[in-house]
Amino acid sequence: MFELDLRSRTPIYEQLVDKIKQLIISNVLKPDEQLPAVRVLASQLTINPNTIQKAYRELEHQGYIY
């Protein structure tokens, strides 16, 4: 679902925010559809759960998720 470029200068959480926004805008993620749990997504992407949480917080602040 998500592919991250670990060599990019863009922080991982910003890459996640951008990818999720793209999925929402392109209607791949439907309204009221639940996002993957923080720990599940962190284990799938092998990144720190705090990074996922930061991305989710940013998306909530921007009004994309609640």
PDB file of N, CA and C in Angstrom:
ATOM      1  N   MET A   1       0.833  -1.197   0.000  1.00  0.00           N
ATOM      2  CA  MET A   1       0.000   0.000   0.000  1.00  0.00           C
ATOM      3  C   MET A   1       0.875   1.257   0.000  1.00  0.00           C
ATOM      4  N   PHE A   2       1.929   1.242   0.791  1.00  0.00           N
ATOM      5  CA  PHE A   2       2.818   2.396   0.870  1.00  0.00           C
ATOM      6  C   PHE A   2       4.224   1.971   0.492  1.00  0.00           C
ATOM      7  N   GLU A   3       4.862   2.787  -0.317  1.00  0.00           N
ATOM      8  CA  GLU A   3       6.268   2.570  -0.618  1.00  0.00           C
ATOM      9  C   GLU A   3       7.007   3.840  -0.230  1.00  0.00           C
ATOM     10  N   LEU A   4       7.999   3.689   0.624  1.00  0.00           N
ATOM     11  CA  LEU A   4       8.757   4.824   1.117  1.00  0.00           C
ATOM     12  C   LEU A   4      10.170   4.764   0.574  1.00  0.00           C
ATOM     13  N   ASP A   5      10.727   5.929   0.310  1.00  0.00           N
ATOM     14  CA  ASP A   5      12.109   6.031  -0.134  1.00  0.00           C
ATOM     15  C   ASP A   5      12.952   6.410   1.076  1.00  0.00           C
ATOM     16  N   LEU A   6      13.628   5.430   1.644  1.00  0.00           N
ATOM     17  CA  LEU A   6      14.409   5.663   2.849  1.00  0.00           C
ATOM     18  C   LEU A   6      15.667   6.486   2.586  1.00  0.00           C
ATOM     19  N   ARG A   7      16.045   6.624   1.335  1.00  0.00           N
ATOM     20  CA  ARG A   7      17.223   7.416   0.984  1.00  0.00           C
ATOM     21  C   ARG A   7      16.867   8.871   0.673  1.00  0.00           C
ATOM     22  N   SER A   8      15.607   9.162   0.590  1.00  0.00           N
ATOM     23  CA  SER A   8      15.159  10.515   0.260  1.00  0.00           C
ATOM     24  C   SER A   8      15.488  11.481   1.392  1.00  0.00           C
ATOM     25  N   ARG A   9      15.651  12.734   1.038  1.00  0.00           N
ATOM     26  CA  ARG A   9      15.877  13.760   2.056  1.00  0.00           C
ATOM     27  C   ARG A   9      14.567  14.168   2.720  1.00  0.00           C
ATOM     28  N   THR A  10      13.450  13.808   2.122  1.00  0.00           N
ATOM     29  CA  THR A  10      12.149  14.083   2.705  1.00  0.00           C
ATOM     30  C   THR A  10      11.934  13.158   3.892  1.00  0.00           C
ATOM     31  N   PRO A  11      11.558  13.715   5.055  1.00  0.00           N
ATOM     32  CA  PRO A  11      11.328  12.855   6.220  1.00  0.00           C
ATOM     33  C   PRO A  11      10.275  11.778   5.939  1.00  0.00           C
ATOM     34  N   ILE A  12      10.423  10.659   6.600  1.00  0.00           N
ATOM     35  CA  ILE A  12       9.525   9.524   6.374  1.00  0.00           C
ATOM     36  C   ILE A  12       8.081   9.892   6.685  1.00  0.00           C
ATOM     37  N   TYR A  13       7.852  10.633   7.776  1.00  0.00           N
ATOM     38  CA  TYR A  13       6.473  10.970   8.115  1.00  0.00           C
ATOM     39  C   TYR A  13       5.845  11.856   7.037  1.00  0.00           C
ATOM     40  N   GLU A  14       6.623  12.738   6.418  1.00  0.00           N
ATOM     41  CA  GLU A  14       6.090  13.573   5.335  1.00  0.00           C
ATOM     42  C   GLU A  14       5.771  12.731   4.104  1.00  0.00           C
ATOM     43  N   GLN A  15       6.604  11.737   3.831  1.00  0.00           N
ATOM     44  CA  GLN A  15       6.315  10.825   2.728  1.00  0.00           C
ATOM     45  C   GLN A  15       5.008  10.078   2.984  1.00  0.00           C
ATOM     46  N   LEU A  16       4.815   9.637   4.224  1.00  0.00           N
ATOM     47  CA  LEU A  16       3.567   8.953   4.591  1.00  0.00           C
ATOM     48  C   LEU A  16       2.362   9.874   4.428  1.00  0.00           C
ATOM     49  N   VAL A  17       2.488  11.101   4.906  1.00  0.00           N
ATOM     50  CA  VAL A  17       1.401  12.077   4.784  1.00  0.00           C
ATOM     51  C   VAL A  17       1.050  12.258   3.310  1.00  0.00           C
ATOM     52  N   ASP A  18       2.043  12.453   2.465  1.00  0.00           N
ATOM     53  CA  ASP A  18       1.797  12.648   1.039  1.00  0.00           C
ATOM     54  C   ASP A  18       1.128  11.438   0.403  1.00  0.00           C
ATOM     55  N   LYS A  19       1.599  10.238   0.744  1.00  0.00           N
ATOM     56  CA  LYS A  19       1.020   9.015   0.169  1.00  0.00           C
ATOM     57  C   LYS A  19      -0.436   8.838   0.592  1.00  0.00           C
ATOM     58  N   ILE A  20      -0.725   9.075   1.862  1.00  0.00           N
ATOM     59  CA  ILE A  20      -2.096   8.906   2.340  1.00  0.00           C
ATOM     60  C   ILE A  20      -2.997   9.961   1.718  1.00  0.00           C
ATOM     61  N   LYS A  21      -2.506  11.192   1.587  1.00  0.00           N
ATOM     62  CA  LYS A  21      -3.299  12.243   0.937  1.00  0.00           C
ATOM     63  C   LYS A  21      -3.604  11.868  -0.510  1.00  0.00           C
ATOM     64  N   GLN A  22      -2.621  11.294  -1.209  1.00  0.00           N
ATOM     65  CA  GLN A  22      -2.846  10.855  -2.588  1.00  0.00           C
ATOM     66  C   GLN A  22      -3.926   9.784  -2.647  1.00  0.00           C
ATOM     67  N   LEU A  23      -3.878   8.842  -1.707  1.00  0.00           N
ATOM     68  CA  LEU A  23      -4.884   7.767  -1.680  1.00  0.00           C
ATOM     69  C   LEU A  23      -6.275   8.310  -1.381  1.00  0.00           C
ATOM     70  N   ILE A  24      -6.355   9.316  -0.524  1.00  0.00           N
ATOM     71  CA  ILE A  24      -7.650   9.916  -0.198  1.00  0.00           C
ATOM     72  C   ILE A  24      -8.190  10.699  -1.389  1.00  0.00           C
ATOM     73  N   ILE A  25      -7.341  11.507  -1.998  1.00  0.00           N
ATOM     74  CA  ILE A  25      -7.760  12.342  -3.125  1.00  0.00           C
ATOM     75  C   ILE A  25      -8.150  11.496  -4.330  1.00  0.00           C
ATOM     76  N   SER A  26      -7.415  10.417  -4.581  1.00  0.00           N
ATOM     77  CA  SER A  26      -7.731   9.545  -5.716  1.00  0.00           C
ATOM     78  C   SER A  26      -8.855   8.566  -5.401  1.00  0.00           C
ATOM     79  N   ASN A  27      -9.433   8.686  -4.218  1.00  0.00           N
ATOM     80  CA  ASN A  27     -10.594   7.901  -3.793  1.00  0.00           C
ATOM     81  C   ASN A  27     -10.282   6.417  -3.612  1.00  0.00           C
ATOM     82  N   VAL A  28      -9.012   6.082  -3.419  1.00  0.00           N
ATOM     83  CA  VAL A  28      -8.644   4.707  -3.086  1.00  0.00           C
ATOM     84  C   VAL A  28      -9.064   4.433  -1.642  1.00  0.00           C
ATOM     85  N   LEU A  29      -8.812   5.407  -0.762  1.00  0.00           N
ATOM     86  CA  LEU A  29      -9.327   5.337   0.606  1.00  0.00           C
ATOM     87  C   LEU A  29     -10.671   6.052   0.627  1.00  0.00           C
ATOM     88  N   LYS A  30     -11.707   5.324   0.925  1.00  0.00           N
ATOM     89  CA  LYS A  30     -13.060   5.866   0.918  1.00  0.00           C
ATOM     90  C   LYS A  30     -13.332   6.670   2.193  1.00  0.00           C
ATOM     91  N   PRO A  31     -14.314   7.562   2.138  1.00  0.00           N
ATOM     92  CA  PRO A  31     -14.692   8.298   3.354  1.00  0.00           C
ATOM     93  C   PRO A  31     -15.103   7.326   4.463  1.00  0.00           C
ATOM     94  N   ASP A  32     -14.697   7.617   5.666  1.00  0.00           N
ATOM     95  CA  ASP A  32     -14.981   6.823   6.861  1.00  0.00           C
ATOM     96  C   ASP A  32     -14.284   5.458   6.870  1.00  0.00           C
ATOM     97  N   GLU A  33     -13.387   5.202   5.921  1.00  0.00           N
ATOM     98  CA  GLU A  33     -12.612   3.963   5.935  1.00  0.00           C
ATOM     99  C   GLU A  33     -11.508   4.087   6.975  1.00  0.00           C
ATOM    100  N   GLN A  34     -11.322   3.039   7.731  1.00  0.00           N
ATOM    101  CA  GLN A  34     -10.330   3.062   8.804  1.00  0.00           C
ATOM    102  C   GLN A  34      -8.931   2.847   8.239  1.00  0.00           C
ATOM    103  N   LEU A  35      -7.996   3.674   8.716  1.00  0.00           N
ATOM    104  CA  LEU A  35      -6.597   3.513   8.335  1.00  0.00           C
ATOM    105  C   LEU A  35      -5.998   2.343   9.116  1.00  0.00           C
ATOM    106  N   PRO A  36      -4.895   1.785   8.612  1.00  0.00           N
ATOM    107  CA  PRO A  36      -4.248   0.697   9.360  1.00  0.00           C
ATOM    108  C   PRO A  36      -3.814   1.173  10.747  1.00  0.00           C
ATOM    109  N   ALA A  37      -3.853   0.274  11.702  1.00  0.00           N
ATOM    110  CA  ALA A  37      -3.417   0.597  13.058  1.00  0.00           C
ATOM    111  C   ALA A  37      -1.938   0.983  13.030  1.00  0.00           C
ATOM    112  N   VAL A  38      -1.562   1.846  13.948  1.00  0.00           N
ATOM    113  CA  VAL A  38      -0.196   2.364  13.992  1.00  0.00           C
ATOM    114  C   VAL A  38       0.819   1.236  14.084  1.00  0.00           C
ATOM    115  N   ARG A  39       0.614   0.321  15.009  1.00  0.00           N
ATOM    116  CA  ARG A  39       1.585  -0.775  15.199  1.00  0.00           C
ATOM    117  C   ARG A  39       1.631  -1.719  14.006  1.00  0.00           C
ATOM    118  N   VAL A  40       0.481  -1.981  13.404  1.00  0.00           N
ATOM    119  CA  VAL A  40       0.436  -2.876  12.239  1.00  0.00           C
ATOM    120  C   VAL A  40       1.201  -2.246  11.080  1.00  0.00           C
ATOM    121  N   LEU A  41       0.926  -0.973  10.800  1.00  0.00           N
ATOM    122  CA  LEU A  41       1.603  -0.294   9.702  1.00  0.00           C
ATOM    123  C   LEU A  41       3.098  -0.152   9.976  1.00  0.00           C
ATOM    124  N   ALA A  42       3.450   0.123  11.212  1.00  0.00           N
ATOM    125  CA  ALA A  42       4.861   0.245  11.578  1.00  0.00           C
ATOM    126  C   ALA A  42       5.601  -1.074  11.354  1.00  0.00           C
ATOM    127  N   SER A  43       4.968  -2.183  11.695  1.00  0.00           N
ATOM    128  CA  SER A  43       5.627  -3.471  11.485  1.00  0.00           C
ATOM    129  C   SER A  43       5.708  -3.822  10.000  1.00  0.00           C
ATOM    130  N   GLN A  44       4.694  -3.448   9.226  1.00  0.00           N
ATOM    131  CA  GLN A  44       4.723  -3.706   7.785  1.00  0.00           C
ATOM    132  C   GLN A  44       5.820  -2.905   7.098  1.00  0.00           C
ATOM    133  N   LEU A  45       5.980  -1.651   7.518  1.00  0.00           N
ATOM    134  CA  LEU A  45       6.965  -0.779   6.887  1.00  0.00           C
ATOM    135  C   LEU A  45       8.323  -0.827   7.591  1.00  0.00           C
ATOM    136  N   THR A  46       8.379  -1.537   8.688  1.00  0.00           N
ATOM    137  CA  THR A  46       9.579  -1.634   9.542  1.00  0.00           C
ATOM    138  C   THR A  46      10.140  -0.257   9.892  1.00  0.00           C
ATOM    139  N   ILE A  47       9.241   0.590  10.401  1.00  0.00           N
ATOM    140  CA  ILE A  47       9.648   1.900  10.901  1.00  0.00           C
ATOM    141  C   ILE A  47       9.057   2.094  12.293  1.00  0.00           C
ATOM    142  N   ASN A  48       9.524   3.110  12.975  1.00  0.00           N
ATOM    143  CA  ASN A  48       9.103   3.395  14.339  1.00  0.00           C
ATOM    144  C   ASN A  48       7.616   3.780  14.382  1.00  0.00           C
ATOM    145  N   PRO A  49       6.834   3.211  15.312  1.00  0.00           N
ATOM    146  CA  PRO A  49       5.420   3.578  15.436  1.00  0.00           C
ATOM    147  C   PRO A  49       5.207   5.080  15.687  1.00  0.00           C
ATOM    148  N   ASN A  50       6.164   5.736  16.334  1.00  0.00           N
ATOM    149  CA  ASN A  50       6.029   7.176  16.568  1.00  0.00           C
ATOM    150  C   ASN A  50       5.999   7.956  15.257  1.00  0.00           C
ATOM    151  N   THR A  51       6.681   7.449  14.245  1.00  0.00           N
ATOM    152  CA  THR A  51       6.686   8.093  12.936  1.00  0.00           C
ATOM    153  C   THR A  51       5.288   8.015  12.311  1.00  0.00           C
ATOM    154  N   ILE A  52       4.659   6.859  12.429  1.00  0.00           N
ATOM    155  CA  ILE A  52       3.294   6.686  11.918  1.00  0.00           C
ATOM    156  C   ILE A  52       2.342   7.612  12.666  1.00  0.00           C
ATOM    157  N   GLN A  53       2.485   7.651  13.984  1.00  0.00           N
ATOM    158  CA  GLN A  53       1.631   8.499  14.814  1.00  0.00           C
ATOM    159  C   GLN A  53       1.784   9.968  14.428  1.00  0.00           C
ATOM    160  N   LYS A  54       2.995  10.394  14.157  1.00  0.00           N
ATOM    161  CA  LYS A  54       3.247  11.776  13.760  1.00  0.00           C
ATOM    162  C   LYS A  54       2.570  12.081  12.426  1.00  0.00           C
ATOM    163  N   ALA A  55       2.632  11.151  11.494  1.00  0.00           N
ATOM    164  CA  ALA A  55       1.981  11.328  10.195  1.00  0.00           C
ATOM    165  C   ALA A  55       0.466  11.404  10.363  1.00  0.00           C
ATOM    166  N   TYR A  56      -0.102  10.516  11.180  1.00  0.00           N
ATOM    167  CA  TYR A  56      -1.546  10.535  11.422  1.00  0.00           C
ATOM    168  C   TYR A  56      -1.976  11.840  12.083  1.00  0.00           C
ATOM    169  N   ARG A  57      -1.165  12.332  13.034  1.00  0.00           N
ATOM    170  CA  ARG A  57      -1.479  13.607  13.694  1.00  0.00           C
ATOM    171  C   ARG A  57      -1.481  14.759  12.694  1.00  0.00           C
ATOM    172  N   GLU A  58      -0.514  14.751  11.803  1.00  0.00           N
ATOM    173  CA  GLU A  58      -0.427  15.801  10.782  1.00  0.00           C
ATOM    174  C   GLU A  58      -1.629  15.747   9.835  1.00  0.00           C
ATOM    175  N   LEU A  59      -2.017  14.548   9.436  1.00  0.00           N
ATOM    176  CA  LEU A  59      -3.192  14.397   8.567  1.00  0.00           C
ATOM    177  C   LEU A  59      -4.463  14.866   9.277  1.00  0.00           C
ATOM    178  N   GLU A  60      -4.558  14.584  10.561  1.00  0.00           N
ATOM    179  CA  GLU A  60      -5.718  15.027  11.331  1.00  0.00           C
ATOM    180  C   GLU A  60      -5.719  16.546  11.440  1.00  0.00           C
ATOM    181  N   HIS A  61      -4.567  17.124  11.666  1.00  0.00           N
ATOM    182  CA  HIS A  61      -4.449  18.579  11.764  1.00  0.00           C
ATOM    183  C   HIS A  61      -4.836  19.251  10.443  1.00  0.00           C
ATOM    184  N   GLN A  62      -4.499  18.620   9.323  1.00  0.00           N
ATOM    185  CA  GLN A  62      -4.827  19.162   8.013  1.00  0.00           C
ATOM    186  C   GLN A  62      -6.267  18.884   7.597  1.00  0.00           C
ATOM    187  N   GLY A  63      -6.969  18.042   8.374  1.00  0.00           N
ATOM    188  CA  GLY A  63      -8.378  17.766   8.084  1.00  0.00           C
ATOM    189  C   GLY A  63      -8.633  16.612   7.143  1.00  0.00           C
ATOM    190  N   TYR A  64      -7.630  15.810   6.866  1.00  0.00           N
ATOM    191  CA  TYR A  64      -7.822  14.664   5.972  1.00  0.00           C
ATOM    192  C   TYR A  64      -8.407  13.455   6.691  1.00  0.00           C
ATOM    193  N   ILE A  65      -8.090  13.315   7.959  1.00  0.00           N
ATOM    194  CA  ILE A  65      -8.623  12.194   8.742  1.00  0.00           C
ATOM    195  C   ILE A  65      -9.146  12.720  10.071  1.00  0.00           C
ATOM    196  N   TYR A  66      -9.900  11.882  10.755  1.00  0.00           N
ATOM    197  CA  TYR A  66     -10.390  12.251  12.093  1.00  0.00           C
ATOM    198  C   TYR A  66     -10.279  11.076  13.019  1.00  0.00           C
TER     199      TYR A  66
END
